[in-house]
Structures are given as structure tokens and as C-alpha cells.
Amino acid sequence: MATATTTRTDVYTRVTSHIVEELERGVRPWLKPWNAENAAGRITRPLRHNGQPYQGVNILMLWASAEIAGFSCPFWITFQQAKELGGHVKKGEHGSPVVYASTFKKKEQIEDGSETEAEIPFLKEYTVFNAEQCEGLPKHYYMLAEPPKEKIDRIEHAETFFRNTHANIRSGGNRAFYAMDADYVQMPPLEAFRDAESHAATLAHEMTHWTRHTTRLNREFGRKRWGDEGYAMEELVAELGSAFLCADLHITPEVRDDHAAYIGHWLTILKDDKRAIFSAASHASKAAEYLHGLQPKPAE
């Protein structure tokens, strides 16, 4: 029987190994599954049966599963949920793993002879199936989206989203960056980008960096100089944060080519620490949720 510790190690190792393999091929796995044509959105995070988006490393795990199997539907459900929805998983289908954090209690004896109870965190794994692996589900799980427009218009809803954060976003020059000390985001003008989606995806990247400020999420990886491991880890968080936000805003992510230069750094980080991708995905989810939290509340 596997212990919580061995199960946790297996999950960390398996997920990290897959992402390392993709990076070694020069592929950033969080940028791939953008051809989905389900009515839930051509671009979206993986969704639970009730439409709630997955968080953290589960986004990467299910995006990878969808890419390998060619699924275009973003909905993922358990075997039991399929039955409760009036359908069933097709015979012979294999599910995809997802994880959630849990704890178990362990009694420990301290120096004075008394006992104390500690809660030990661990990852628990369960299996979900894509809606395309099921039959008999309600129709909205299978509906296809309308074909996308040929012409890409200015993405007003994305610009409104970032404007609502009240971040100091400046336009001009030929570099996109976040200036930590002065606390502003610098963006080249829209006309300098290949298209409006490239502009929005790059802004999502820089706005993920913006959340690391001490007055916001206070995210720090011990970075001391450009290009060190702490710097590369923050860049990985920003890459994932951009991918998550693009999914939320229905934008095809097109991150700047210079970010490919970090692949070597990311490989070093992931090979040295099997938990690194879990940590980066968690930080990226928190950054995306922070930016969502700055949006105006809908009128009741």
C-alpha cells in the first residue's frame, strides 16, 4: 500500500517529468491547447462539471491531457458526476489525473512526554474524464462555438480588465517590462505588436509581475541579479500567469519570443526541485485571482 509520502512524490515527479520533457523539446506546454472549438470558449482554462475553472498545476495537467488526446471540450468530470448528470463514461476510456491538497493528522511525542497532533500536508490524486469521453451528458457539454472572426479587432474587454486594476501602465518605447522600484508597467504602443492579442498577452505577463510588489502579493524568490534562478522562477510564474489570464479573457496567448531564452533556466529549476512547477502554478493562479479581485463587482 502506497503511503501519503510516496504518492506525493510520484505526483510531483510525474508532472514535473512531463513538463521537463516538453521544455527539452523546446515546447512550452502551457501555450499549446488553443484550438478548442467548444462553445464554452475557444480559449479557456479546464473547467469542472459546473463550469468552475481548475486552479494551479491542474490547469497544466489537464491542458497537457487535452493536447495529447486532441480534446477540444474544456469540461472535465468524475465517473460519478457523469452518472449524476444522466450520462456515462464510454467503455474503455482512460481518465486523466488531477490533484488536490489535503492533510493527515499525526501524533508526536514532545520532550515533556506529552503528545501533540500535527497536520501534515500532502497531495491526493483522483481521476477525471473529458466530456468528449462521455455519452448522454446535457447538450451544452457538446456544443460547438461559432467560427472565429478573420479580422482581429482591438480587444476592449482585455484593456478594460487591466485598466480596472488601476496599475500605472505606460505606453511607449520598444520594451515591455515591470519596474519594481517605481511600480509601473511599461508597454510599447499597440501598433508595435503583431496583433492586438499579442499586445494583450504581453500585458498579462507584465501585470502578473506587477502583482509581486510588496504591497500586493509580496512574491519573492530570492532573486539577486538578472538571469539567476530567482529571476527565472519569477519569469515562469509570469509565463503561467499570462497563460491563465489569456484563457480567462479568451485571448490566444502569444508571449514574446525572448521568453524562450528562459527554457534552460526553467529546466535547471524543475530538475533540481520537483515541487517547483507546482509552486509556480500556484503563485500564477494567485496572481490571476488577485487581478480578477480588482475588477468592479457586478451590480445586484
Protein backbone atom coordinates (compact mmCIF):
# COMPACT_ATOMS: atom_id res chain seq x y z
CA MET A 1 0.00 0.00 0.00
CA ALA A 2 1.43 3.38 -1.02
CA THR A 3 1.95 5.89 1.76
CA ALA A 4 0.98 9.54 1.53
CA THR A 5 4.66 10.36 1.10
CA THR A 6 5.27 8.01 -1.84
CA THR A 7 2.03 9.10 -3.50
CA ARG A 8 3.04 12.74 -3.15
CA THR A 9 6.49 12.06 -4.60
CA ASP A 10 5.02 10.15 -7.53
CA VAL A 11 2.67 13.01 -8.42
CA TYR A 12 5.39 15.66 -8.20
CA THR A 13 7.82 13.53 -10.19
CA ARG A 14 5.37 12.51 -12.90
CA VAL A 15 4.02 16.02 -13.57
CA THR A 16 7.46 17.63 -13.46
CA SER A 17 8.97 14.95 -15.71
CA HIS A 18 6.31 15.56 -18.37
CA ILE A 19 6.90 19.31 -18.36
CA VAL A 20 10.68 18.82 -18.42
CA GLU A 21 10.30 16.56 -21.49
CA GLU A 22 8.24 19.22 -23.27
CA LEU A 23 10.69 22.01 -22.41
CA GLU A 24 13.61 19.89 -23.61
CA ARG A 25 11.81 19.67 -26.96
CA GLY A 26 11.64 23.47 -26.98
CA VAL A 27 7.88 23.44 -26.30
CA ARG A 28 6.23 25.46 -23.56
CA PRO A 29 3.27 23.18 -22.70
CA TRP A 30 1.17 26.00 -21.27
CA LEU A 31 0.95 27.64 -24.72
CA LYS A 32 -0.38 24.72 -26.77
CA PRO A 33 -4.11 23.94 -26.48
CA TRP A 34 -5.59 26.97 -28.19
CA ASN A 35 -7.57 25.31 -30.98
CA ALA A 36 -10.54 24.24 -28.84
CA GLU A 37 -13.85 24.84 -30.58
CA ASN A 38 -16.30 24.05 -27.79
CA ALA A 39 -19.00 26.64 -27.09
CA ALA A 40 -17.58 27.16 -23.59
CA GLY A 41 -14.88 29.18 -25.31
CA ARG A 42 -12.17 28.59 -27.89
CA ILE A 43 -9.71 29.57 -25.20
CA THR A 44 -10.41 28.65 -21.61
CA ARG A 45 -8.98 27.08 -18.52
CA PRO A 46 -10.02 23.48 -17.90
CA LEU A 47 -13.46 23.55 -16.28
CA ARG A 48 -15.15 21.38 -13.68
CA HIS A 49 -18.58 19.92 -14.47
CA ASN A 50 -20.21 23.06 -13.02
CA GLY A 51 -18.11 25.48 -15.08
CA GLN A 52 -15.73 26.37 -12.23
CA PRO A 53 -12.15 26.73 -13.56
CA TYR A 54 -9.39 24.48 -12.22
CA GLN A 55 -6.51 26.12 -10.39
CA GLY A 56 -2.73 25.76 -10.13
CA VAL A 57 -0.92 22.76 -11.57
CA ASN A 58 -4.21 21.05 -12.51
CA ILE A 59 -4.54 23.60 -15.35
CA LEU A 60 -1.23 22.41 -16.81
CA MET A 61 -2.02 18.72 -16.25
CA LEU A 62 -5.40 18.90 -17.99
CA TRP A 63 -4.15 21.14 -20.80
CA ALA A 64 -1.48 18.50 -21.43
CA SER A 65 -4.05 15.68 -21.40
CA ALA A 66 -6.28 17.61 -23.81
CA GLU A 67 -3.37 18.26 -26.16
CA ILE A 68 -2.23 14.62 -26.21
CA ALA A 69 -5.75 13.24 -26.76
CA GLY A 70 -6.94 16.03 -29.06
CA PHE A 71 -9.88 17.08 -26.88
CA SER A 72 -11.48 20.43 -27.72
CA CYS A 73 -14.01 20.41 -24.87
CA PRO A 74 -12.76 22.11 -21.67
CA PHE A 75 -15.12 20.24 -19.30
CA TRP A 76 -13.68 17.52 -17.04
CA ILE A 77 -15.87 15.37 -14.78
CA THR A 78 -15.53 12.38 -12.49
CA PHE A 79 -17.06 8.98 -13.24
CA GLN A 80 -19.73 9.59 -10.59
CA GLN A 81 -20.54 13.11 -11.82
CA ALA A 82 -21.15 11.76 -15.33
CA LYS A 83 -23.74 9.35 -13.88
CA GLU A 84 -25.38 12.11 -11.82
CA LEU A 85 -25.67 14.24 -15.00
CA GLY A 86 -27.55 11.41 -16.71
CA GLY A 87 -24.65 10.18 -18.81
CA HIS A 88 -21.76 7.77 -18.54
CA VAL A 89 -18.10 7.38 -19.41
CA LYS A 90 -17.63 5.45 -22.65
CA LYS A 91 -16.36 1.94 -22.24
CA GLY A 92 -12.57 1.62 -22.49
CA GLU A 93 -11.85 5.31 -21.88
CA HIS A 94 -8.90 6.21 -19.66
CA GLY A 95 -9.14 9.17 -17.29
CA SER A 96 -6.66 11.93 -16.50
CA PRO A 97 -5.19 12.61 -13.06
CA VAL A 98 -5.77 15.78 -11.08
CA VAL A 99 -4.65 16.56 -7.55
CA TYR A 100 -5.86 18.45 -4.53
CA ALA A 101 -4.12 19.38 -1.32
CA SER A 102 -5.19 17.62 1.84
CA THR A 103 -3.75 16.90 5.28
CA PHE A 104 -3.48 13.96 7.64
CA LYS A 105 -3.05 14.12 11.39
CA LYS A 106 0.00 12.64 13.05
CA LYS A 107 0.58 12.36 16.79
CA GLU A 108 4.05 13.21 18.02
CA GLN A 109 5.58 12.97 21.47
CA ILE A 110 7.37 16.08 22.70
CA GLU A 111 10.18 16.40 25.27
CA ASP A 112 7.97 16.56 28.37
CA GLY A 113 6.34 13.24 27.42
CA SER A 114 3.02 14.72 26.32
CA GLU A 115 1.57 14.19 22.86
CA THR A 116 0.83 16.79 20.24
CA GLU A 117 -1.07 16.39 16.99
CA ALA A 118 0.34 17.85 13.80
CA GLU A 119 -1.40 18.26 10.45
CA ILE A 120 0.83 17.02 7.64
CA PRO A 121 0.02 18.37 4.13
CA PHE A 122 0.03 16.05 1.13
CA LEU A 123 -1.35 15.82 -2.38
CA LYS A 124 -4.25 13.49 -3.12
CA GLU A 125 -4.89 12.33 -6.65
CA TYR A 126 -8.15 11.46 -8.37
CA THR A 127 -9.30 10.81 -11.92
CA VAL A 128 -11.45 12.90 -14.24
CA PHE A 129 -12.70 12.36 -17.79
CA ASN A 130 -13.15 14.87 -20.57
CA ALA A 131 -16.77 15.38 -21.62
CA GLU A 132 -15.79 14.03 -25.06
CA GLN A 133 -15.09 10.70 -23.36
CA CYS A 134 -18.68 10.57 -22.13
CA GLU A 135 -22.11 9.95 -23.65
CA GLY A 136 -25.52 11.20 -22.59
CA LEU A 137 -24.42 14.43 -20.88
CA PRO A 138 -26.55 17.59 -21.22
CA LYS A 139 -26.21 19.21 -24.66
CA HIS A 140 -24.17 22.24 -23.59
CA TYR A 141 -21.16 19.98 -22.94
CA TYR A 142 -21.03 19.13 -26.65
CA MET A 143 -21.99 22.42 -28.34
CA LEU A 144 -19.51 23.87 -30.80
CA ALA A 145 -18.52 27.52 -30.93
CA GLU A 146 -19.13 29.80 -33.87
CA PRO A 147 -16.13 30.16 -36.21
CA PRO A 148 -13.78 32.95 -35.07
CA LYS A 149 -13.62 36.24 -36.96
CA GLU A 150 -10.98 36.54 -39.63
CA LYS A 151 -10.12 40.09 -38.59
CA ILE A 152 -8.83 40.68 -35.07
CA ASP A 153 -10.28 43.83 -33.52
CA ARG A 154 -8.90 45.85 -30.65
CA ILE A 155 -9.59 43.77 -27.52
CA GLU A 156 -11.61 46.23 -25.47
CA HIS A 157 -12.63 43.78 -22.72
CA ALA A 158 -8.97 42.90 -22.05
CA GLU A 159 -7.91 46.53 -21.93
CA THR A 160 -10.81 47.28 -19.57
CA PHE A 161 -9.76 44.35 -17.34
CA PHE A 162 -6.23 45.68 -16.91
CA ARG A 163 -7.39 49.31 -16.64
CA ASN A 164 -9.66 48.29 -13.75
CA THR A 165 -6.60 47.27 -11.71
CA HIS A 166 -5.55 50.96 -11.58
CA ALA A 167 -1.97 49.89 -12.25
CA ASN A 168 0.35 52.55 -13.63
CA ILE A 169 0.58 51.28 -17.23
CA ARG A 170 2.70 53.45 -19.50
CA SER A 171 2.88 53.30 -23.28
CA GLY A 172 5.96 53.99 -25.37
CA GLY A 173 9.42 52.73 -26.22
CA ASN A 174 10.31 49.32 -27.60
CA ARG A 175 10.45 47.18 -24.43
CA ALA A 176 7.76 45.62 -22.24
CA PHE A 177 8.74 45.35 -18.56
CA TYR A 178 7.62 45.89 -14.97
CA ALA A 179 9.70 48.39 -12.97
CA MET A 180 9.56 47.16 -9.37
CA ASP A 181 11.04 50.19 -7.58
CA ALA A 182 8.94 52.79 -9.39
CA ASP A 183 5.98 50.35 -9.55
CA TYR A 184 4.85 50.78 -13.14
CA VAL A 185 4.35 48.62 -16.23
CA GLN A 186 5.92 49.81 -19.49
CA MET A 187 4.35 48.67 -22.77
CA PRO A 188 5.30 49.50 -26.37
CA PRO A 189 2.40 51.05 -28.30
CA LEU A 190 -0.26 48.69 -29.67
CA GLU A 191 0.92 49.35 -33.23
CA ALA A 192 4.31 47.82 -32.39
CA PHE A 193 2.79 44.36 -31.85
CA ARG A 194 1.95 41.70 -34.40
CA ASP A 195 -1.71 41.96 -33.40
CA ALA A 196 -3.96 43.00 -30.53
CA GLU A 197 -3.82 39.56 -28.90
CA SER A 198 0.00 39.66 -28.75
CA HIS A 199 -0.26 43.04 -27.02
CA ALA A 200 -2.84 41.78 -24.51
CA ALA A 201 -0.89 38.57 -23.77
CA THR A 202 2.31 40.53 -23.15
CA LEU A 203 0.44 42.95 -20.89
CA ALA A 204 -0.95 39.94 -18.98
CA HIS A 205 2.63 38.76 -18.48
CA GLU A 206 3.82 42.12 -17.16
CA MET A 207 0.73 42.53 -14.98
CA THR A 208 1.47 39.16 -13.39
CA HIS A 209 4.89 40.62 -12.47
CA TRP A 210 3.04 43.69 -11.11
CA THR A 211 1.29 41.50 -8.52
CA ARG A 212 4.63 40.58 -6.90
CA HIS A 213 5.04 44.04 -5.32
CA THR A 214 5.33 44.11 -1.52
CA THR A 215 2.01 45.98 -1.25
CA ARG A 216 0.22 43.20 -3.20
CA LEU A 217 1.21 39.53 -3.09
CA ASN A 218 4.75 40.21 -1.85
CA ARG A 219 6.19 37.42 -4.03
CA GLU A 220 9.93 36.92 -3.66
CA PHE A 221 12.14 34.06 -4.87
CA GLY A 222 15.43 35.39 -3.60
CA ARG A 223 16.37 36.92 -6.95
CA LYS A 224 19.54 38.94 -6.70
CA ARG A 225 20.55 39.60 -10.30
CA TRP A 226 19.21 39.31 -13.83
CA GLY A 227 19.15 35.70 -15.06
CA ASP A 228 19.61 33.92 -11.72
CA GLU A 229 17.28 31.14 -10.54
CA GLY A 230 15.06 33.51 -8.58
CA TYR A 231 14.68 35.68 -11.67
CA ALA A 232 13.88 32.65 -13.84
CA MET A 233 11.31 31.40 -11.32
CA GLU A 234 9.53 34.76 -11.37
CA GLU A 235 9.55 34.66 -15.18
CA LEU A 236 7.98 31.18 -15.06
CA VAL A 237 5.24 32.49 -12.76
CA ALA A 238 4.63 35.38 -15.18
CA GLU A 239 4.51 33.00 -18.17
CA LEU A 240 1.94 30.80 -16.45
CA GLY A 241 0.02 33.80 -15.14
CA SER A 242 -0.20 35.20 -18.66
CA ALA A 243 -1.43 31.85 -19.99
CA PHE A 244 -4.08 31.61 -17.26
CA LEU A 245 -5.27 35.19 -17.78
CA CYS A 246 -5.36 34.71 -21.55
CA ALA A 247 -7.59 31.69 -21.01
CA ASP A 248 -9.87 33.72 -18.75
CA LEU A 249 -10.03 36.63 -21.21
CA HIS A 250 -10.38 34.41 -24.32
CA ILE A 251 -7.11 35.59 -25.83
CA THR A 252 -4.77 33.42 -27.85
CA PRO A 253 -1.50 33.76 -25.92
CA GLU A 254 1.48 34.90 -27.92
CA VAL A 255 4.27 35.51 -25.44
CA ARG A 256 7.34 37.35 -26.69
CA ASP A 257 9.96 35.16 -28.35
CA ASP A 258 12.66 36.29 -25.91
CA HIS A 259 10.93 34.32 -23.16
CA ALA A 260 12.10 31.13 -24.88
CA ALA A 261 15.57 32.06 -23.62
CA TYR A 262 14.42 31.10 -20.12
CA ILE A 263 13.79 27.47 -21.06
CA GLY A 264 17.29 26.45 -19.97
CA HIS A 265 16.85 28.19 -16.61
CA TRP A 266 13.45 26.56 -16.10
CA LEU A 267 14.87 23.12 -16.86
CA THR A 268 17.52 23.64 -14.20
CA ILE A 269 14.91 24.73 -11.66
CA LEU A 270 12.48 21.90 -12.42
CA LYS A 271 15.17 19.20 -12.39
CA ASP A 272 16.53 20.46 -9.07
CA ASP A 273 13.13 20.79 -7.38
CA LYS A 274 10.20 18.54 -8.26
CA ARG A 275 7.84 20.91 -6.44
CA ALA A 276 8.86 23.98 -8.45
CA ILE A 277 6.19 23.73 -11.17
CA PHE A 278 3.51 23.18 -8.50
CA SER A 279 4.74 26.27 -6.67
CA ALA A 280 4.95 28.37 -9.85
CA ALA A 281 1.46 27.33 -10.97
CA SER A 282 0.07 28.11 -7.52
CA HIS A 283 1.69 31.57 -7.49
CA ALA A 284 0.40 32.19 -11.03
CA SER A 285 -3.14 31.23 -10.02
CA LYS A 286 -2.95 33.57 -7.02
CA ALA A 287 -1.73 36.39 -9.27
CA ALA A 288 -4.59 35.84 -11.73
CA GLU A 289 -7.14 35.72 -8.91
CA TYR A 290 -5.67 38.91 -7.42
CA LEU A 291 -6.17 40.74 -10.71
CA HIS A 292 -9.70 39.36 -11.00
CA GLY A 293 -10.36 40.59 -7.47
CA LEU A 294 -9.64 44.17 -8.57
CA GLN A 295 -12.50 44.14 -11.07
CA PRO A 296 -15.72 46.04 -10.23
CA LYS A 297 -18.36 43.91 -8.58
CA PRO A 298 -21.45 43.40 -10.78
CA ALA A 299 -24.48 45.42 -9.69
CA GLU A 300 -27.03 43.33 -7.79
